[in-house]
Protein backbone atom coordinates (compact mmCIF):
# COMPACT_ATOMS: atom_id res chain seq x y z
CA UNK A 1 -0.04 -0.01 -0.01
CA UNK A 2 2.91 2.37 0.67
CA UNK A 3 4.16 1.92 -2.77
CA UNK A 4 0.80 2.63 -4.20
CA UNK A 5 0.54 5.88 -2.22
CA UNK A 6 4.00 6.93 -3.45
CA UNK A 7 3.03 6.24 -7.10
CA UNK A 8 -0.24 8.06 -6.62
CA UNK A 9 1.57 11.12 -5.11
CA UNK A 10 4.09 11.16 -8.00
CA UNK A 11 1.24 10.83 -10.48
CA UNK A 12 -0.63 13.75 -9.06
CA UNK A 13 2.51 15.95 -9.11
CA UNK A 14 3.32 15.01 -12.67
CA UNK A 15 -0.13 15.48 -13.98
CA UNK A 16 -0.33 19.09 -12.65
CA UNK A 17 2.93 19.74 -14.49
CA UNK A 18 1.59 18.47 -17.86
CA UNK A 19 1.15 21.44 -20.27
CA UNK A 20 -1.69 19.78 -22.22
CA UNK A 21 -3.52 19.01 -18.98
CA UNK A 22 -3.13 22.52 -17.69
CA UNK A 23 -4.40 23.97 -21.02
CA UNK A 24 -7.42 21.74 -21.10
CA UNK A 25 -8.08 22.54 -17.41
CA UNK A 26 -7.94 26.30 -18.12
CA UNK A 27 -10.34 26.00 -21.04
CA UNK A 28 -12.64 23.85 -18.91
CA UNK A 29 -12.60 26.24 -15.99
CA UNK A 30 -13.22 29.20 -18.29
CA UNK A 31 -16.23 27.45 -19.87
CA UNK A 32 -17.52 26.55 -16.39
CA UNK A 33 -17.22 30.26 -15.38
CA UNK A 34 -19.10 31.41 -18.54
CA UNK A 35 -21.77 28.59 -18.25
CA UNK A 36 -23.81 30.24 -15.51
CA UNK A 37 -23.77 33.69 -17.17
CA UNK A 38 -24.70 32.23 -20.56
CA UNK A 39 -27.67 30.31 -19.00
CA UNK A 40 -28.75 33.43 -17.07
CA UNK A 41 -28.35 35.70 -20.06
CA UNK A 42 -30.63 33.62 -22.24
CA UNK A 43 -33.28 33.43 -19.56
CA UNK A 44 -32.96 37.12 -18.87
CA UNK A 45 -33.40 37.98 -22.61
CA UNK A 46 -36.55 35.85 -22.89
CA UNK A 47 -37.84 37.17 -19.62
CA UNK A 48 -37.45 40.74 -20.83
CA UNK A 49 -39.40 39.90 -23.96
CA UNK A 50 -42.09 38.36 -21.79
CA UNK A 51 -42.31 41.48 -19.58
CA UNK A 52 -42.76 43.74 -22.65
CA UNK A 53 -45.36 41.52 -24.19
CA UNK A 54 -47.18 41.06 -20.87
CA UNK A 55 -47.37 44.87 -20.41
CA UNK A 56 -48.84 45.35 -23.82
CA UNK A 57 -51.44 42.66 -23.10
CA UNK A 58 -52.41 44.39 -19.83
CA UNK A 59 -52.73 47.68 -21.55
CA UNK A 60 -55.08 46.13 -24.17
CA UNK A 61 -57.10 44.65 -21.29
CA UNK A 62 -56.06 41.03 -21.76
CA UNK A 63 -54.78 38.63 -19.12
CA UNK A 64 -51.06 37.85 -19.49
CA UNK A 65 -49.97 34.21 -19.21
CA UNK A 66 -47.57 33.28 -16.40
CA UNK A 67 -43.85 33.86 -16.92
CA UNK A 68 -42.16 30.92 -18.58
CA UNK A 69 -39.47 31.03 -15.87
CA UNK A 70 -41.90 31.28 -12.91
CA UNK A 71 -41.09 27.83 -11.65
CA UNK A 72 -37.82 27.29 -13.45
CA UNK A 73 -35.19 25.70 -11.26
CA UNK A 74 -32.25 27.81 -10.25
CA UNK A 75 -29.63 25.30 -11.43
CA UNK A 76 -31.01 25.36 -14.88
CA UNK A 77 -28.40 28.07 -15.40
CA UNK A 78 -25.84 25.18 -15.54
CA UNK A 79 -27.64 23.15 -18.15
CA UNK A 80 -24.76 23.88 -20.63
CA UNK A 81 -22.29 22.31 -18.27
CA UNK A 82 -23.62 18.84 -19.28
CA UNK A 83 -22.45 19.50 -22.78
CA UNK A 84 -19.12 21.00 -21.68
CA UNK A 85 -18.40 17.90 -19.54
CA UNK A 86 -19.09 15.48 -22.31
CA UNK A 87 -17.02 17.53 -24.67
CA UNK A 88 -14.12 19.23 -23.01
CA UNK A 89 -14.23 17.12 -19.89
CA UNK A 90 -14.08 13.88 -21.86
CA UNK A 91 -10.93 15.07 -23.67
CA UNK A 92 -9.38 16.22 -20.37
CA UNK A 93 -10.08 12.80 -18.76
CA UNK A 94 -8.52 10.94 -21.74
CA UNK A 95 -5.41 13.08 -21.69
CA UNK A 96 -5.17 12.44 -17.90
CA UNK A 97 -5.33 8.71 -18.22
CA UNK A 98 -3.09 8.66 -21.30
CA UNK A 99 -0.37 10.59 -19.60
CA UNK A 100 -0.55 8.29 -16.60
CA UNK A 101 -0.16 5.29 -18.62
CA UNK A 102 2.49 6.57 -20.92
CA UNK A 103 4.71 8.49 -18.45
CA UNK A 104 7.05 5.64 -17.39
CA UNK A 105 7.32 4.30 -20.94
CA UNK A 106 8.33 7.63 -22.38
CA UNK A 107 10.83 8.19 -19.60
CA UNK A 108 12.29 4.67 -20.12
CA UNK A 109 12.05 3.79 -16.38
CA UNK A 110 9.60 0.83 -16.60
CA UNK A 111 12.32 -1.73 -15.88
CA UNK A 112 13.81 0.39 -13.16
CA UNK A 113 10.45 0.84 -11.51
CA UNK A 114 9.58 -2.90 -11.44
CA UNK A 115 13.22 -3.80 -10.38
CA UNK A 116 12.07 -2.50 -7.05
CA UNK A 117 9.58 -4.41 -4.82
CA UNK A 118 6.60 -3.01 -6.71
CA UNK A 119 3.97 -5.33 -7.93
CA UNK A 120 1.58 -4.71 -10.88
CA UNK A 121 -1.37 -4.50 -8.38
CA UNK A 122 0.42 -1.74 -6.47
CA UNK A 123 1.20 -0.05 -9.73
CA UNK A 124 -2.36 -0.25 -10.84
CA UNK A 125 -3.79 1.00 -7.51
CA UNK A 126 -1.25 3.87 -7.38
CA UNK A 127 -2.15 4.98 -10.83
CA UNK A 128 -5.92 4.73 -10.22
CA UNK A 129 -5.63 6.75 -6.97
CA UNK A 130 -3.70 9.47 -8.76
CA UNK A 131 -6.06 9.62 -11.66
CA UNK A 132 -9.14 9.63 -9.50
CA UNK A 133 -7.73 12.26 -7.17
CA UNK A 134 -6.78 14.64 -10.05
CA UNK A 135 -10.19 14.32 -11.69
CA UNK A 136 -11.91 14.80 -8.27
CA UNK A 137 -9.85 18.00 -7.75
CA UNK A 138 -10.91 19.25 -11.24
CA UNK A 139 -14.58 18.47 -10.45
CA UNK A 140 -14.28 20.23 -7.10
CA UNK A 141 -12.74 23.28 -8.65
CA UNK A 142 -15.60 23.45 -11.26
CA UNK A 143 -18.12 22.86 -8.63
CA UNK A 144 -16.68 25.82 -6.67
CA UNK A 145 -16.68 28.02 -9.69
CA UNK A 146 -20.31 27.12 -10.60
CA UNK A 147 -21.41 27.74 -7.02
CA UNK A 148 -19.83 31.21 -6.81
CA UNK A 149 -21.01 32.27 -10.33
CA UNK A 150 -24.60 30.89 -9.86
CA UNK A 151 -24.90 32.38 -6.41
CA UNK A 152 -23.95 35.87 -7.89
CA UNK A 153 -26.79 35.54 -10.43
CA UNK A 154 -29.57 33.72 -8.55
CA UNK A 155 -30.49 32.93 -4.96
CA UNK A 156 -29.44 29.32 -4.13
CA UNK A 157 -30.80 27.38 -1.19
CA UNK A 158 -29.16 24.39 0.60
CA UNK A 159 -30.96 21.82 -1.61
CA UNK A 160 -29.59 23.66 -4.67
CA UNK A 161 -26.02 23.47 -3.30
CA UNK A 162 -26.42 19.72 -2.52
CA UNK A 163 -27.72 19.13 -6.02
CA UNK A 164 -24.82 21.12 -7.54
CA UNK A 165 -22.16 19.02 -5.78
CA UNK A 166 -24.08 15.83 -6.54
CA UNK A 167 -24.03 16.67 -10.20
CA UNK A 168 -20.32 17.22 -10.22
CA UNK A 169 -19.84 13.96 -8.25
CA UNK A 170 -21.82 12.06 -10.81
CA UNK A 171 -19.79 13.75 -13.54
CA UNK A 172 -16.59 12.52 -11.86
CA UNK A 173 -17.91 8.98 -12.24
CA UNK A 174 -18.63 9.41 -15.95
CA UNK A 175 -15.27 11.09 -16.67
CA UNK A 176 -13.42 8.47 -14.79
CA UNK A 177 -14.35 5.90 -17.31
CA UNK A 178 -12.70 7.94 -20.09
CA UNK A 179 -9.52 8.42 -17.97
CA UNK A 180 -9.25 4.70 -17.41
CA UNK A 181 -9.88 4.03 -21.11
CA UNK A 182 -6.93 6.35 -22.02
CA UNK A 183 -4.81 4.68 -19.29
CA UNK A 184 -5.51 1.21 -20.59
CA UNK A 185 -4.78 2.16 -24.22
CA UNK A 186 -1.43 3.74 -23.29
CA UNK A 187 -0.35 0.47 -21.63
CA UNK A 188 -1.34 -2.04 -24.35
CA UNK A 189 -0.44 -0.16 -27.55
CA UNK A 190 3.11 0.24 -28.70
CA UNK A 191 2.60 3.24 -30.86
CA UNK A 192 1.96 6.49 -28.96
CA UNK A 193 -0.30 7.97 -31.66
CA UNK A 194 -2.46 4.81 -31.83
CA UNK A 195 -2.59 4.63 -28.07
CA UNK A 196 -4.11 8.13 -28.03
CA UNK A 197 -6.32 7.72 -31.09
CA UNK A 198 -8.23 4.72 -29.70
CA UNK A 199 -9.74 6.39 -26.70
CA UNK A 200 -10.60 9.46 -28.80
CA UNK A 201 -12.40 7.25 -31.31
CA UNK A 202 -14.38 5.81 -28.30
CA UNK A 203 -15.05 9.32 -27.16
CA UNK A 204 -16.33 10.46 -30.61
CA UNK A 205 -18.62 7.34 -30.77
CA UNK A 206 -20.02 7.81 -27.24
CA UNK A 207 -20.40 11.62 -27.55
CA UNK A 208 -21.48 12.12 -31.09
CA UNK A 209 -22.42 8.84 -33.06
CA UNK A 210 -24.46 6.90 -30.54
CA UNK A 211 -26.46 9.91 -29.27
CA UNK A 212 -27.17 10.80 -32.95
CA UNK A 213 -28.51 7.39 -33.53
CA UNK A 214 -30.27 7.11 -30.12
CA UNK A 215 -31.94 10.44 -30.77
CA UNK A 216 -33.65 9.28 -33.95
CA UNK A 217 -37.00 9.58 -32.29
CA UNK A 218 -36.40 13.13 -31.03
CA UNK A 219 -34.09 15.06 -33.31
CA UNK A 220 -33.02 17.61 -30.64
CA UNK A 221 -32.18 14.89 -28.18
CA UNK A 222 -28.52 14.81 -28.93
CA UNK A 223 -28.24 18.41 -27.86
CA UNK A 224 -30.88 18.64 -25.05
CA UNK A 225 -31.11 16.21 -22.12
CA UNK A 226 -34.76 15.29 -22.53
CA UNK A 227 -36.51 11.90 -22.56
CA UNK A 228 -37.84 10.50 -25.77
CA UNK A 229 -41.18 12.02 -26.88
CA UNK A 230 -43.35 9.13 -28.11
CA UNK A 231 -45.45 11.51 -30.19
CA UNK A 232 -42.50 12.47 -32.47
CA UNK A 233 -41.73 10.60 -35.63
CA UNK A 234 -43.66 7.33 -34.98
CA UNK A 235 -41.57 5.35 -37.51
CA UNK A 236 -41.02 1.64 -36.77
CA UNK A 237 -37.56 1.88 -38.24
CA UNK A 238 -36.59 4.81 -36.10
CA UNK A 239 -38.05 3.04 -33.02
CA UNK A 240 -36.05 -0.03 -33.82
CA UNK A 241 -32.83 1.96 -34.14
CA UNK A 242 -33.56 3.81 -30.93
CA UNK A 243 -34.30 0.66 -29.03
CA UNK A 244 -31.09 -1.09 -30.18
CA UNK A 245 -28.77 1.88 -29.73
CA UNK A 246 -30.15 3.80 -26.70
CA UNK A 247 -28.89 1.22 -23.98
CA UNK A 248 -25.32 1.78 -25.23
CA UNK A 249 -25.53 5.57 -25.50
CA UNK A 250 -23.48 6.34 -22.30
CA UNK A 251 -23.54 10.17 -22.90
CA UNK A 252 -27.37 10.19 -23.22
CA UNK A 253 -27.65 8.31 -19.92
CA UNK A 254 -25.33 10.70 -18.27
CA UNK A 255 -27.01 13.83 -19.58
CA UNK A 256 -30.53 12.63 -18.61
CA UNK A 257 -29.30 11.75 -15.11
CA UNK A 258 -27.47 15.11 -14.74
CA UNK A 259 -30.59 16.88 -15.86
CA UNK A 260 -32.59 15.09 -13.14
CA UNK A 261 -29.92 15.86 -10.54
CA UNK A 262 -30.01 19.59 -11.43
CA UNK A 263 -33.91 19.37 -11.21
CA UNK A 264 -34.19 20.37 -14.90
CA UNK A 265 -35.88 17.05 -15.80
CA UNK A 266 -37.84 16.59 -12.49
CA UNK A 267 -40.62 14.62 -14.24
CA UNK A 268 -38.45 11.82 -15.45
CA UNK A 269 -39.69 8.32 -14.49
CA UNK A 270 -37.90 6.69 -11.53
CA UNK A 271 -37.15 3.49 -13.32
CA UNK A 272 -35.50 5.46 -16.19
CA UNK A 273 -33.42 7.43 -13.74
CA UNK A 274 -32.23 4.21 -12.01
CA UNK A 275 -31.36 2.68 -15.43
CA UNK A 276 -29.38 5.79 -16.34
CA UNK A 277 -27.35 5.75 -13.19
CA UNK A 278 -26.68 1.95 -13.28
CA UNK A 279 -25.55 2.27 -16.93
CA UNK A 280 -23.11 5.10 -16.10
CA UNK A 281 -21.58 3.25 -13.21
CA UNK A 282 -21.32 0.08 -15.34
CA UNK A 283 -19.46 2.15 -17.94
CA UNK A 284 -16.94 3.19 -15.32
CA UNK A 285 -16.58 -0.33 -13.91
CA UNK A 286 -16.11 -1.81 -17.31
CA UNK A 287 -13.24 0.60 -17.96
CA UNK A 288 -11.82 -0.22 -14.53
CA UNK A 289 -11.91 -3.89 -15.49
CA UNK A 290 -10.14 -3.06 -18.72
CA UNK A 291 -7.44 -1.20 -16.83
CA UNK A 292 -6.89 -4.17 -14.58
CA UNK A 293 -6.53 -6.50 -17.51
CA UNK A 294 -4.16 -4.00 -19.29
CA UNK A 295 -1.88 -3.82 -16.25
CA UNK A 296 -1.85 -7.60 -15.73
CA UNK A 297 -0.87 -8.12 -19.40
CA UNK A 298 1.59 -5.29 -19.40
CA UNK A 299 5.05 -6.52 -20.34
CA UNK A 300 7.32 -4.73 -17.99
CA UNK A 301 10.55 -5.98 -19.80
CA UNK A 302 9.80 -4.25 -23.11
CA UNK A 303 10.46 -0.60 -22.08
């Protein structure tokens, strides 16, 4: 265990010195900071239009309808963060895992490392602890930024704060899968470019391809975290495609669960929410199993 802690500590220090990681982290933090304002600005614009229209209706003796944002949840300001996490967060996680798996190989110290009393299990545990801690730190930083920026624009209560941190905790689980995927690929592939390309291909498929196919019944579904609307495009072919692809659309499961956590999609069925959570955790556990297999099959005498 002592060796694992040492490896984890070294991994954390090394990752925060990676230029690519710092660049992606800066972009991610900037988008997080802008997210609340973008959400508030769009709501404010629509609300101003409503106020002007309602005033005209009152002057003409008509009854104005209620404001479209009268019962809108406060954390709806952060709905764009679900998109930023699947896009920028996914790439950040992949680069984190890839760097963790490739570092000793590029430095040429693999044989030296394993010449000491360090087993593969300790190596795996140390790397996993380092990766998990770094991603947790990133999510905590983003949660703090979101909390401050949102609180400056709207009034948040205790329940909103709990939901906000729960959202980022769930996002950590989702991103950890991509980090483990990048870590596994870096261990099993000889070519550095191929080792990075494989997890990116998976990221493209999970983030773009599968959601596009899974949203066949509701064309805006790949952009908005909403549940399928059964009254849209009732085509047997589209329904078949959706039924076959949707269970494997990890990003769709993540976005729907995230929307429920933020109270944006409060009317989602309970069984659907449970399925989404289980699917996301299974995705992370599957990538964890892949990392374990990659470490066990890792030939420590080759580098």
